[in-house]
Amino acid sequence: MAIIFAVGHLPALKNLLGSITHIMLIRTLVLNIPIGLLCGWLFWSYGIESAILAHFTADIVYHVGGTLVLRKIKKD
């Protein structure tokens, strides 16, 4: 299921980039499979709400934190 979770993020990547290279495919899988495993474990252990919260938290950290880091790098 973690692989399906990771593959589910590929349409957004394709919309963003226009096409998906092998490097971007591997990057997407490597970044999303661990979160998929964690969310799956949380779902089985604590319920859907905890899995949704973990997914939302990971998105905030990745998108907001990543944007701040990239802006900082771009300034320097």
Protein backbone atom coordinates (compact mmCIF):
# COMPACT_ATOMS: atom_id res chain seq x y z
CA MET A 1 0.00 0.00 0.00
CA ALA A 2 2.92 2.35 0.64
CA ILE A 3 3.96 1.96 -2.99
CA ILE A 4 0.41 2.74 -4.14
CA PHE A 5 0.45 5.77 -1.81
CA ALA A 6 3.69 6.95 -3.45
CA VAL A 7 2.45 6.26 -6.99
CA GLY A 8 -0.69 8.27 -6.15
CA HIS A 9 1.50 11.37 -6.01
CA LEU A 10 2.77 10.94 -9.59
CA PRO A 11 -0.16 12.71 -11.35
CA ALA A 12 0.56 15.91 -9.41
CA LEU A 13 4.23 15.65 -10.37
CA LYS A 14 3.31 15.15 -14.03
CA ASN A 15 1.03 18.20 -13.92
CA LEU A 16 3.82 20.23 -12.36
CA LEU A 17 6.63 19.18 -14.69
CA GLY A 18 4.84 18.07 -17.86
CA SER A 19 6.68 14.73 -17.93
CA ILE A 20 8.25 12.41 -15.39
CA THR A 21 11.91 11.43 -15.74
CA HIS A 22 13.37 8.31 -14.15
CA ILE A 23 15.13 10.46 -11.54
CA MET A 24 11.90 12.22 -10.57
CA LEU A 25 10.06 8.89 -10.39
CA ILE A 26 12.68 7.45 -8.03
CA ARG A 27 12.72 10.67 -5.97
CA THR A 28 8.94 10.60 -5.59
CA LEU A 29 8.94 6.95 -4.52
CA VAL A 30 11.86 7.38 -2.10
CA LEU A 31 10.24 10.39 -0.42
CA ASN A 32 6.71 8.99 -0.25
CA ILE A 33 7.14 5.31 0.60
CA PRO A 34 8.42 5.95 4.17
CA ILE A 35 5.51 8.32 4.86
CA GLY A 36 3.14 5.72 3.38
CA LEU A 37 4.54 3.08 5.73
CA LEU A 38 4.20 5.39 8.71
CA CYS A 39 0.64 6.38 7.79
CA GLY A 40 -0.28 2.71 7.28
CA TRP A 41 1.07 1.77 10.69
CA LEU A 42 -0.75 4.70 12.29
CA PHE A 43 -3.98 3.67 10.55
CA TRP A 44 -3.79 0.11 11.82
CA SER A 45 -2.68 1.13 15.30
CA TYR A 46 -4.70 4.28 16.00
CA GLY A 47 -7.25 4.81 13.22
CA ILE A 48 -7.71 6.88 10.11
CA GLU A 49 -7.59 10.21 11.93
CA SER A 50 -3.99 9.69 13.05
CA ALA A 51 -2.94 8.67 9.52
CA ILE A 52 -4.60 11.76 8.03
CA LEU A 53 -2.94 13.98 10.64
CA ALA A 54 0.48 12.45 9.89
CA HIS A 55 -0.01 12.95 6.14
CA PHE A 56 -1.09 16.56 6.65
CA THR A 57 1.87 17.21 8.97
CA ALA A 58 4.32 15.69 6.48
CA ASP A 59 2.87 17.89 3.72
CA ILE A 60 3.24 21.03 5.84
CA VAL A 61 6.84 20.18 6.78
CA TYR A 62 7.77 19.30 3.20
CA HIS A 63 6.00 22.11 1.35
CA VAL A 64 6.31 24.98 3.83
CA GLY A 65 9.70 23.97 5.25
CA GLY A 66 11.06 23.14 1.82
CA THR A 67 9.92 26.46 0.40
CA LEU A 68 11.55 28.38 3.25
CA VAL A 69 14.82 26.49 2.81
CA LEU A 70 14.84 27.02 -0.96
CA ARG A 71 14.15 30.74 -0.55
CA LYS A 72 17.00 30.98 1.95
CA ILE A 73 19.38 29.17 -0.43
CA LYS A 74 18.29 31.39 -3.32
CA LYS A 75 19.05 34.56 -1.32
CA ASP A 76 22.59 33.41 -0.46
